[in-house]
């Protein structure tokens, strides 16, 4: 074992600006957004009614 910690590979996480906004289907308010599944999926949650939506994230 080495005395120095293992370095993790750098993840290419996009800035919040790169993630598209989405309005709630029911409330028409902007949804909260975050990347899940090691950056493979976008997850949206409505702050008002807690409606959820997920989609595959493919950076273009």
N, C-alpha and C. Protein backbone atom coordinates (compact mmCIF):
# COMPACT_ATOMS: atom_id res chain seq x y z
N UNK A 1 0.84 -1.19 0.00
CA UNK A 1 0.00 0.00 0.00
C UNK A 1 0.87 1.24 0.00
N UNK A 2 0.48 2.20 -0.78
CA UNK A 2 1.22 3.45 -0.79
C UNK A 2 0.67 4.39 0.28
N UNK A 3 1.49 5.34 0.68
CA UNK A 3 1.08 6.26 1.73
C UNK A 3 0.24 7.42 1.19
N UNK A 4 0.19 7.58 -0.11
CA UNK A 4 -0.62 8.66 -0.67
C UNK A 4 -1.98 8.13 -1.15
N UNK A 5 -3.01 8.94 -1.05
CA UNK A 5 -4.35 8.47 -1.44
C UNK A 5 -4.45 8.30 -2.96
N UNK A 6 -5.29 7.36 -3.35
CA UNK A 6 -5.54 7.14 -4.78
C UNK A 6 -6.28 8.35 -5.34
N UNK A 7 -5.90 8.75 -6.52
CA UNK A 7 -6.57 9.89 -7.14
C UNK A 7 -7.71 9.39 -8.01
N UNK A 8 -8.85 10.03 -7.87
CA UNK A 8 -10.02 9.70 -8.67
C UNK A 8 -9.92 10.40 -10.02
N UNK A 9 -10.37 9.77 -11.09
CA UNK A 9 -10.38 10.46 -12.38
C UNK A 9 -11.33 11.64 -12.34
N UNK A 10 -10.98 12.69 -13.04
CA UNK A 10 -11.82 13.89 -13.06
C UNK A 10 -13.11 13.60 -13.82
N UNK A 11 -14.22 14.02 -13.26
CA UNK A 11 -15.51 13.85 -13.92
C UNK A 11 -15.81 15.11 -14.72
N UNK A 12 -16.41 14.92 -15.85
CA UNK A 12 -16.81 16.05 -16.67
C UNK A 12 -18.26 16.40 -16.34
N UNK A 13 -18.46 17.12 -15.25
CA UNK A 13 -19.80 17.52 -14.87
C UNK A 13 -20.11 18.87 -15.49
N UNK A 14 -21.23 18.97 -16.18
CA UNK A 14 -21.56 20.22 -16.84
C UNK A 14 -22.00 21.28 -15.83
N UNK A 15 -21.83 22.52 -16.20
CA UNK A 15 -22.32 23.61 -15.37
C UNK A 15 -23.84 23.62 -15.44
N UNK A 16 -24.48 24.21 -14.44
CA UNK A 16 -25.94 24.27 -14.43
C UNK A 16 -26.48 24.96 -15.69
N UNK A 17 -25.68 25.85 -16.29
CA UNK A 17 -26.12 26.55 -17.50
C UNK A 17 -26.28 25.59 -18.68
N UNK A 18 -25.49 24.52 -18.69
CA UNK A 18 -25.51 23.57 -19.80
C UNK A 18 -26.70 22.62 -19.72
N UNK A 19 -27.28 22.47 -18.54
CA UNK A 19 -28.41 21.57 -18.36
C UNK A 19 -29.68 22.33 -18.73
N UNK A 20 -30.48 21.80 -19.66
CA UNK A 20 -31.66 22.54 -20.10
C UNK A 20 -32.70 22.70 -18.99
N UNK A 21 -33.35 23.86 -18.98
CA UNK A 21 -34.43 24.10 -18.02
C UNK A 21 -35.67 23.36 -18.47
N UNK A 22 -36.55 23.11 -17.52
CA UNK A 22 -37.80 22.42 -17.82
C UNK A 22 -38.88 22.96 -16.92
N UNK A 23 -40.05 23.19 -17.49
CA UNK A 23 -41.19 23.62 -16.69
C UNK A 23 -42.00 22.40 -16.26
N UNK A 24 -42.57 22.48 -15.08
CA UNK A 24 -43.41 21.39 -14.59
C UNK A 24 -44.62 21.24 -15.51
N UNK A 25 -44.96 20.01 -15.82
CA UNK A 25 -46.10 19.72 -16.69
C UNK A 25 -47.40 20.26 -16.10
N UNK A 26 -47.52 20.20 -14.78
CA UNK A 26 -48.77 20.56 -14.12
C UNK A 26 -48.78 22.01 -13.62
N UNK A 27 -47.72 22.46 -12.97
CA UNK A 27 -47.70 23.79 -12.32
C UNK A 27 -47.14 24.88 -13.22
N UNK A 28 -46.41 24.50 -14.25
CA UNK A 28 -45.75 25.46 -15.15
C UNK A 28 -44.72 26.34 -14.44
N UNK A 29 -44.10 25.82 -13.39
CA UNK A 29 -43.01 26.53 -12.71
C UNK A 29 -41.69 25.85 -13.07
N UNK A 30 -40.56 26.56 -13.02
CA UNK A 30 -39.26 25.93 -13.32
C UNK A 30 -38.95 24.81 -12.32
N UNK A 31 -38.49 23.70 -12.84
CA UNK A 31 -38.17 22.55 -12.00
C UNK A 31 -36.72 22.60 -11.55
N UNK A 32 -36.45 22.02 -10.38
CA UNK A 32 -35.07 21.86 -9.91
C UNK A 32 -34.44 20.77 -10.75
N UNK A 33 -33.15 20.91 -11.05
CA UNK A 33 -32.49 19.93 -11.92
C UNK A 33 -31.18 19.47 -11.30
N UNK A 34 -30.83 18.21 -11.56
CA UNK A 34 -29.56 17.67 -11.09
C UNK A 34 -29.21 16.44 -11.92
N UNK A 35 -27.92 16.14 -11.97
CA UNK A 35 -27.45 14.95 -12.66
C UNK A 35 -27.39 13.80 -11.67
N UNK A 36 -27.83 12.63 -12.09
CA UNK A 36 -27.80 11.43 -11.25
C UNK A 36 -27.21 10.28 -12.05
N UNK A 37 -26.97 9.17 -11.40
CA UNK A 37 -26.44 7.99 -12.09
C UNK A 37 -25.08 8.24 -12.68
N UNK A 38 -24.20 8.84 -11.89
CA UNK A 38 -22.83 9.14 -12.32
C UNK A 38 -22.82 10.04 -13.56
N UNK A 39 -23.78 10.98 -13.59
CA UNK A 39 -23.83 11.95 -14.68
C UNK A 39 -24.48 11.45 -15.95
N UNK A 40 -25.17 10.30 -15.90
CA UNK A 40 -25.78 9.75 -17.10
C UNK A 40 -27.22 10.18 -17.30
N UNK A 41 -27.89 10.65 -16.24
CA UNK A 41 -29.30 11.01 -16.33
C UNK A 41 -29.55 12.38 -15.72
N UNK A 42 -30.51 13.09 -16.30
CA UNK A 42 -30.99 14.35 -15.73
C UNK A 42 -32.22 14.03 -14.90
N UNK A 43 -32.30 14.60 -13.72
CA UNK A 43 -33.46 14.39 -12.86
C UNK A 43 -34.03 15.75 -12.51
N UNK A 44 -35.31 15.93 -12.81
CA UNK A 44 -36.01 17.18 -12.53
C UNK A 44 -37.05 16.92 -11.45
N UNK A 45 -37.21 17.88 -10.54
CA UNK A 45 -38.23 17.79 -9.50
C UNK A 45 -38.92 19.14 -9.37
N UNK A 46 -40.24 19.12 -9.36
CA UNK A 46 -41.01 20.35 -9.19
C UNK A 46 -40.99 20.75 -7.72
N UNK A 47 -40.62 22.00 -7.40
CA UNK A 47 -40.59 22.43 -6.01
C UNK A 47 -41.98 22.63 -5.41
N UNK A 48 -42.99 22.69 -6.28
CA UNK A 48 -44.35 22.96 -5.80
C UNK A 48 -45.15 21.68 -5.59
N UNK A 49 -45.21 20.83 -6.60
CA UNK A 49 -46.05 19.62 -6.50
C UNK A 49 -45.25 18.33 -6.40
N UNK A 50 -43.93 18.40 -6.46
CA UNK A 50 -43.01 17.26 -6.34
C UNK A 50 -43.14 16.28 -7.52
N UNK A 51 -43.65 16.76 -8.66
CA UNK A 51 -43.65 15.96 -9.88
C UNK A 51 -42.20 15.70 -10.27
N UNK A 52 -41.88 14.48 -10.73
CA UNK A 52 -40.51 14.14 -11.10
C UNK A 52 -40.44 13.69 -12.55
N UNK A 53 -39.32 13.98 -13.17
CA UNK A 53 -39.06 13.55 -14.54
C UNK A 53 -37.58 13.25 -14.67
N UNK A 54 -37.24 12.18 -15.37
CA UNK A 54 -35.84 11.84 -15.61
C UNK A 54 -35.65 11.57 -17.10
N UNK A 55 -34.46 11.88 -17.59
CA UNK A 55 -34.14 11.60 -18.99
C UNK A 55 -32.65 11.34 -19.12
N UNK A 56 -32.30 10.59 -20.15
CA UNK A 56 -30.89 10.27 -20.40
C UNK A 56 -30.16 11.55 -20.80
N UNK A 57 -28.99 11.78 -20.21
CA UNK A 57 -28.19 12.97 -20.50
C UNK A 57 -27.11 12.60 -21.49
N UNK A 58 -27.17 13.20 -22.66
CA UNK A 58 -26.13 13.03 -23.67
C UNK A 58 -25.67 14.41 -24.06
N UNK A 59 -24.48 14.77 -23.60
CA UNK A 59 -23.95 16.10 -23.89
C UNK A 59 -23.71 16.23 -25.39
N UNK A 60 -24.20 17.32 -25.94
CA UNK A 60 -24.08 17.52 -27.39
C UNK A 60 -22.97 18.45 -27.72
